[in-house]
Structures are given as C-alpha cells and as structure tokens.
C-alpha cells in the first residue's frame, strides 16, 4: 500500500498573501492536482480583475456585500445575497460595495493560476484520478445561483454544483456547534478534497490508515482553524470536520473531477447544464 500523504492546512491570515491586487485586495491560494482555490479579502469599491482565465471558474460570495461580477463580454450580475456564479473564460471582474471575502475555484487547465498557489510544485499523486475534460475556452455566460432560490431538500447532501471539470458542495450555514456524537469519518479512494471555511471556527480530524510498515504510521490529528482557511485532504486519509462554538459556520468542499456518486444520486443542482460534457 502506498503511504498516505499528510493533509495541507492553510490558515490564510497567519501567513503573507500570495498576491496583492491594485487597491489592496489580498489573495491566498492553495492547489491540488486538478484544481486551485483562491480566497480573497476584497476591498470595497475596487474591482478585482482576472485578466485572462483559460477556462470557466466558480465564484462564491457568501454574504450580501453588494458584489457585481462582470464577464469578458461586459455582461454584469449584481449579487445582493449569498450566491455562486459560474464565470466564463476570459477577462472578468468582481467589485463589492463593502469589504468582503470571496472564494474562486479554478481547474488545473489554467497553469498560470496553478502557479500562484503557495504549494505549487509536482502534483503527480497516482491515486488522484486525472481531469478528463478540456477547458471551456469560449462562449458561455455568467450563470448565477442565488442561495435563497435553493430550498433545503430532504435527503440531499448540501448544495452541490459542478462545471465540466469542477464540483463544489456549499453546505447550508450551521448555527452553533456540531454534535460530537454525529460525525461522519470517511475517506476517498481516488480524489482530493479541499475544505474551505469562510465563517466560524472548525476542527478537522484526520486518521491515517496503517500500512505494513510501522514507520509510516501516524497519530490521529485534530487541527483547529478559524476562518477563512483551506485544507487539502489527500486520497485514503480518513477525515471528518466539527464546527465549534456559537454563531454561524460556513463550509465549502471542492473536488475535481466532478464526483460521479453525487451525480448518480441526483444531488447536483445544475447538472443539466453539463450533461454530456464528460469524456
């Protein structure tokens, strides 16, 4: 059995940003084999520009900061509530009326964006299934999904969205601490998971399966983080997450390629937009 990699935990504000835009917006980026996640502290009134993305990407605005997102064709959408936007390839901007934190997710088709990540370097873990799609380089439009228009559905896991290459699960906001007697430890055979916290305090719990080599064994780990933070979870690492303390907790999970099990369950809210695009 191949040794299981350790998770990568990134508490963004405990280190310098990876980039600072004109006007002062600060961005921290972390990547896996197939995707990168960028968390940006967006300064009010100053557009954050993505100059030439080669593929569409996912944008999350988790509050009502009055953000406006504009695509390469000059089409704009105003976001007055928590929203997810699929942004087409090319130039795009986002500007907010108040300081806020935004989350962007990019597929690894965009090598330039991958290189911005603090952990850029070889990402060739053979346990991670490769992307099997091409970049969607042209066409498309801003596709906005406002969370108030997505009611809870019994039996559905969170609020799951996809593109041809990416999938995210934006969990409904949790108030108060998670029941410690109702956790969900599990592992994934062939993909990485990025868990991003946008509000609240959390504890990520990790257990490494034993191999035949005792030198590869590791003690259980329980990592406390505030928000925003990112953690990259490799294949075969047993994990679960608790949210702790009072108040609101916002968590987003990222995967690439899209998870076939979630698609098969019918949980993916915008799956019809990408029917037939997988290789």
Protein backbone atom coordinates (compact mmCIF):
# COMPACT_ATOMS: atom_id res chain seq x y z
CA UNK A 1 0.00 0.00 0.00
CA UNK A 2 1.33 3.45 -0.92
CA UNK A 3 1.84 5.70 2.11
CA UNK A 4 -0.99 8.19 2.59
CA UNK A 5 0.05 11.83 2.23
CA UNK A 6 -0.43 14.26 5.07
CA UNK A 7 -3.09 16.97 4.73
CA UNK A 8 -2.11 20.54 3.89
CA UNK A 9 -3.66 23.04 6.29
CA UNK A 10 -3.55 26.72 5.33
CA UNK A 11 -4.80 29.30 7.83
CA UNK A 12 -4.58 32.15 5.39
CA UNK A 13 -4.17 35.14 7.70
CA UNK A 14 -1.28 33.51 9.53
CA UNK A 15 0.98 34.00 6.51
CA UNK A 16 1.57 36.68 3.89
CA UNK A 17 -0.82 36.68 0.91
CA UNK A 18 0.29 35.07 -2.35
CA UNK A 19 -0.74 38.16 -4.30
CA UNK A 20 -1.92 41.70 -3.62
CA UNK A 21 -4.03 43.42 -6.27
CA UNK A 22 -4.09 47.08 -7.17
CA UNK A 23 -6.16 48.69 -4.43
CA UNK A 24 -5.05 46.25 -1.73
CA UNK A 25 -7.21 43.14 -2.13
CA UNK A 26 -5.20 40.20 -0.75
CA UNK A 27 -5.38 36.63 -2.11
CA UNK A 28 -4.23 33.32 -0.68
CA UNK A 29 -4.17 30.26 -2.99
CA UNK A 30 -3.82 26.53 -2.37
CA UNK A 31 -3.90 23.83 -5.02
CA UNK A 32 -4.39 20.11 -5.55
CA UNK A 33 -3.52 18.04 -8.59
CA UNK A 34 -6.59 19.12 -10.56
CA UNK A 35 -7.67 22.48 -9.12
CA UNK A 36 -6.69 25.57 -7.18
CA UNK A 37 -8.71 27.55 -4.64
CA UNK A 38 -8.20 31.28 -4.12
CA UNK A 39 -9.53 33.11 -1.05
CA UNK A 40 -9.54 36.90 -1.45
CA UNK A 41 -10.16 39.68 1.05
CA UNK A 42 -11.88 42.01 -1.39
CA UNK A 43 -11.51 45.74 -0.70
CA UNK A 44 -14.75 47.66 -1.23
CA UNK A 45 -15.14 49.74 -4.36
CA UNK A 46 -12.09 48.44 -6.24
CA UNK A 47 -12.56 45.77 -8.94
CA UNK A 48 -10.62 42.54 -8.61
CA UNK A 49 -9.57 41.60 -12.14
CA UNK A 50 -8.97 38.11 -13.50
CA UNK A 51 -7.31 39.13 -16.79
CA UNK A 52 -7.37 36.02 -18.97
CA UNK A 53 -8.63 32.78 -17.41
CA UNK A 54 -8.40 29.99 -20.00
CA UNK A 55 -11.36 28.09 -18.56
CA UNK A 56 -14.57 28.90 -16.76
CA UNK A 57 -14.33 29.02 -12.98
CA UNK A 58 -16.57 29.09 -9.90
CA UNK A 59 -17.02 32.21 -7.77
CA UNK A 60 -18.67 32.20 -4.33
CA UNK A 61 -19.83 35.33 -2.50
CA UNK A 62 -21.12 34.20 0.88
CA UNK A 63 -22.74 37.43 2.09
CA UNK A 64 -24.77 40.44 0.92
CA UNK A 65 -21.84 42.79 0.26
CA UNK A 66 -23.44 44.10 -2.94
CA UNK A 67 -20.95 42.48 -5.29
CA UNK A 68 -21.08 42.97 -9.06
CA UNK A 69 -19.41 40.40 -11.32
CA UNK A 70 -18.72 41.21 -14.99
CA UNK A 71 -17.61 38.83 -17.74
CA UNK A 72 -15.40 39.35 -20.82
CA UNK A 73 -18.39 40.42 -22.92
CA UNK A 74 -19.25 43.20 -20.47
CA UNK A 75 -22.31 41.44 -19.06
CA UNK A 76 -22.82 42.05 -15.33
CA UNK A 77 -24.78 40.50 -12.49
CA UNK A 78 -25.39 42.13 -9.10
CA UNK A 79 -25.29 39.79 -6.11
CA UNK A 80 -27.32 41.09 -3.18
CA UNK A 81 -27.32 37.78 -1.26
CA UNK A 82 -25.08 34.70 -0.90
CA UNK A 83 -24.56 33.43 -4.45
CA UNK A 84 -22.50 31.06 -6.59
CA UNK A 85 -21.52 32.15 -10.10
CA UNK A 86 -20.02 30.11 -12.93
CA UNK A 87 -17.81 32.66 -14.70
CA UNK A 88 -16.86 32.02 -18.36
CA UNK A 89 -13.28 32.01 -19.63
CA UNK A 90 -11.56 35.28 -20.43
CA UNK A 91 -11.40 38.52 -18.51
CA UNK A 92 -13.71 39.01 -15.53
CA UNK A 93 -14.04 41.40 -12.61
CA UNK A 94 -15.75 41.44 -9.24
CA UNK A 95 -16.39 44.58 -7.21
CA UNK A 96 -18.21 44.89 -3.88
CA UNK A 97 -19.89 47.77 -2.07
CA UNK A 98 -18.39 46.61 1.26
CA UNK A 99 -15.25 44.75 2.22
CA UNK A 100 -15.89 41.02 1.94
CA UNK A 101 -14.25 37.63 1.36
CA UNK A 102 -14.77 35.86 -1.96
CA UNK A 103 -13.82 32.34 -3.00
CA UNK A 104 -12.77 31.30 -6.52
CA UNK A 105 -12.12 27.78 -7.78
CA UNK A 106 -10.07 27.11 -10.93
CA UNK A 107 -9.43 23.88 -12.82
CA UNK A 108 -5.82 22.87 -13.49
CA UNK A 109 -6.29 23.60 -17.22
CA UNK A 110 -5.10 27.09 -16.21
CA UNK A 111 -1.39 26.55 -15.48
CA UNK A 112 -0.74 30.23 -14.74
CA UNK A 113 -3.31 30.25 -11.96
CA UNK A 114 -1.95 27.00 -10.54
CA UNK A 115 1.48 28.60 -10.21
CA UNK A 116 0.08 31.28 -7.90
CA UNK A 117 -0.65 28.67 -5.19
CA UNK A 118 1.62 28.61 -2.15
CA UNK A 119 2.09 24.84 -2.57
CA UNK A 120 2.70 24.83 -6.33
CA UNK A 121 5.14 22.15 -7.46
CA UNK A 122 4.87 18.49 -8.51
CA UNK A 123 1.32 17.21 -8.02
CA UNK A 124 1.53 13.75 -9.54
CA UNK A 125 -0.06 11.54 -6.87
CA UNK A 126 -1.10 8.44 -8.89
CA UNK A 127 -4.01 7.85 -6.52
CA UNK A 128 -5.73 11.03 -7.78
CA UNK A 129 -7.90 10.48 -10.85
CA UNK A 130 -6.98 12.90 -13.68
CA UNK A 131 -9.20 15.51 -15.28
CA UNK A 132 -10.81 14.01 -18.38
CA UNK A 133 -12.25 17.19 -19.88
CA UNK A 134 -10.92 20.07 -21.92
CA UNK A 135 -11.08 23.71 -20.91
CA UNK A 136 -14.24 25.54 -22.00
CA UNK A 137 -12.35 28.44 -23.58
CA UNK A 138 -15.08 30.33 -25.39
CA UNK A 139 -18.78 31.02 -25.28
CA UNK A 140 -20.83 30.72 -22.16
CA UNK A 141 -22.32 33.34 -19.90
CA UNK A 142 -22.48 34.24 -16.26
CA UNK A 143 -24.63 31.61 -14.56
CA UNK A 144 -25.81 32.84 -11.17
CA UNK A 145 -27.27 30.59 -8.47
CA UNK A 146 -28.73 32.55 -5.55
CA UNK A 147 -28.94 30.53 -2.36
CA UNK A 148 -32.36 31.91 -1.39
CA UNK A 149 -33.74 30.20 -4.51
CA UNK A 150 -32.41 26.78 -3.49
CA UNK A 151 -34.63 25.38 -0.73
CA UNK A 152 -33.48 22.59 1.53
CA UNK A 153 -34.36 19.18 0.13
CA UNK A 154 -34.67 16.19 2.48
CA UNK A 155 -32.07 13.56 1.64
CA UNK A 156 -29.87 15.89 -0.42
CA UNK A 157 -26.32 16.39 0.81
CA UNK A 158 -25.68 20.14 0.98
CA UNK A 159 -25.87 22.35 -2.13
CA UNK A 160 -23.76 20.80 -4.87
CA UNK A 161 -22.81 22.48 -8.16
CA UNK A 162 -20.50 21.47 -10.99
CA UNK A 163 -18.78 22.58 -14.15
CA UNK A 164 -17.34 20.15 -16.67
CA UNK A 165 -14.16 19.91 -14.55
CA UNK A 166 -15.08 21.08 -11.03
CA UNK A 167 -17.56 20.31 -8.27
CA UNK A 168 -18.28 22.15 -5.05
CA UNK A 169 -20.56 21.44 -2.11
CA UNK A 170 -21.58 24.63 -0.30
CA UNK A 171 -23.16 23.45 2.94
CA UNK A 172 -26.04 25.41 4.44
CA UNK A 173 -24.94 27.72 7.25
CA UNK A 174 -24.73 25.92 10.60
CA UNK A 175 -25.56 27.78 13.82
CA UNK A 176 -23.85 26.56 16.96
CA UNK A 177 -21.53 23.59 17.40
CA UNK A 178 -21.78 20.24 15.62
CA UNK A 179 -22.98 17.30 17.73
CA UNK A 180 -19.79 15.36 18.58
CA UNK A 181 -21.83 12.15 18.63
CA UNK A 182 -22.92 12.64 14.99
CA UNK A 183 -19.68 12.98 13.00
CA UNK A 184 -19.01 11.37 9.61
CA UNK A 185 -15.46 9.95 9.32
CA UNK A 186 -14.71 8.65 5.81
CA UNK A 187 -12.02 8.53 3.13
CA UNK A 188 -11.88 8.86 -0.68
CA UNK A 189 -10.06 6.33 -2.87
CA UNK A 190 -9.15 8.42 -5.91
CA UNK A 191 -9.63 12.14 -5.40
CA UNK A 192 -8.53 15.04 -3.26
CA UNK A 193 -10.91 17.23 -1.29
CA UNK A 194 -10.35 20.87 -0.41
CA UNK A 195 -12.40 22.03 2.57
CA UNK A 196 -12.68 25.83 2.80
CA UNK A 197 -14.04 27.58 5.88
CA UNK A 198 -15.49 31.03 5.27
CA UNK A 199 -17.07 31.79 8.65
CA UNK A 200 -16.71 30.31 12.12
CA UNK A 201 -14.30 28.02 13.97
CA UNK A 202 -13.72 24.39 12.98
CA UNK A 203 -11.71 21.30 13.92
CA UNK A 204 -10.54 18.94 11.17
CA UNK A 205 -9.98 15.37 12.37
CA UNK A 206 -7.55 13.06 10.49
CA UNK A 207 -6.67 9.38 10.84
CA UNK A 208 -4.02 7.68 8.69
CA UNK A 209 -4.69 4.01 7.83
CA UNK A 210 -1.91 1.63 8.80
CA UNK A 211 0.33 0.08 6.18
CA UNK A 212 2.55 -2.95 6.79
CA UNK A 213 5.39 -0.54 7.65
CA UNK A 214 5.13 0.81 11.19
CA UNK A 215 7.49 3.64 10.22
CA UNK A 216 4.64 5.05 8.10
CA UNK A 217 2.08 5.09 10.93
CA UNK A 218 0.94 8.47 12.26
CA UNK A 219 -1.03 9.51 15.30
CA UNK A 220 -4.53 10.90 14.86
CA UNK A 221 -4.56 14.65 14.32
CA UNK A 222 -7.17 17.23 15.35
CA UNK A 223 -6.45 20.61 13.75
CA UNK A 224 -8.30 23.73 14.94
CA UNK A 225 -8.78 26.54 12.41
CA UNK A 226 -10.53 29.87 12.23
CA UNK A 227 -11.95 31.37 9.04
CA UNK A 228 -11.02 31.80 6.32
CA UNK A 229 -8.91 28.66 5.97
CA UNK A 230 -8.23 25.87 3.48
CA UNK A 231 -7.26 22.25 3.98
CA UNK A 232 -6.26 19.84 1.19
CA UNK A 233 -7.19 16.25 2.06
CA UNK A 234 -5.41 13.52 0.06
CA UNK A 235 -6.90 10.19 -1.05
CA UNK A 236 -7.32 7.46 1.58
CA UNK A 237 -6.92 9.78 4.58
CA UNK A 238 -9.83 9.27 6.99
CA UNK A 239 -11.32 12.65 7.87
CA UNK A 240 -14.29 14.50 9.30
CA UNK A 241 -14.91 18.07 10.45
CA UNK A 242 -16.54 19.64 13.50
CA UNK A 243 -17.77 23.23 13.70
CA UNK A 244 -17.31 24.61 17.19
CA UNK A 245 -18.61 27.43 19.35
CA UNK A 246 -21.59 29.70 18.96
CA UNK A 247 -22.61 31.67 15.89
CA UNK A 248 -22.62 30.87 12.19
CA UNK A 249 -20.35 28.41 10.37
CA UNK A 250 -19.86 28.30 6.59
CA UNK A 251 -18.01 25.41 4.91
CA UNK A 252 -17.38 24.66 1.21
CA UNK A 253 -15.90 21.40 -0.16
CA UNK A 254 -14.14 21.33 -3.55
CA UNK A 255 -13.48 18.34 -5.85
CA UNK A 256 -12.11 17.76 -9.36
CA UNK A 257 -13.11 15.99 -11.49
CA UNK A 258 -16.82 16.06 -10.54
CA UNK A 259 -17.87 13.19 -8.28
CA UNK A 260 -19.83 10.52 -10.12
CA UNK A 261 -21.51 9.36 -6.89
CA UNK A 262 -23.03 12.80 -6.29
CA UNK A 263 -24.19 12.98 -9.91
CA UNK A 264 -25.74 9.50 -9.70
CA UNK A 265 -27.65 10.45 -6.55
CA UNK A 266 -29.22 13.41 -8.40
CA UNK A 267 -27.82 15.85 -5.84
CA UNK A 268 -26.07 18.21 -8.28
CA UNK A 269 -28.30 21.26 -8.66
CA UNK A 270 -27.02 22.42 -12.07
CA UNK A 271 -26.12 19.01 -13.55
CA UNK A 272 -28.35 19.58 -16.58
CA UNK A 273 -26.08 22.42 -17.72
CA UNK A 274 -23.21 19.95 -18.19
CA UNK A 275 -24.97 16.80 -19.35
CA UNK A 276 -22.83 15.08 -21.96
CA UNK A 277 -19.67 17.15 -21.38
CA UNK A 278 -17.66 14.47 -19.56
CA UNK A 279 -15.15 12.41 -21.52
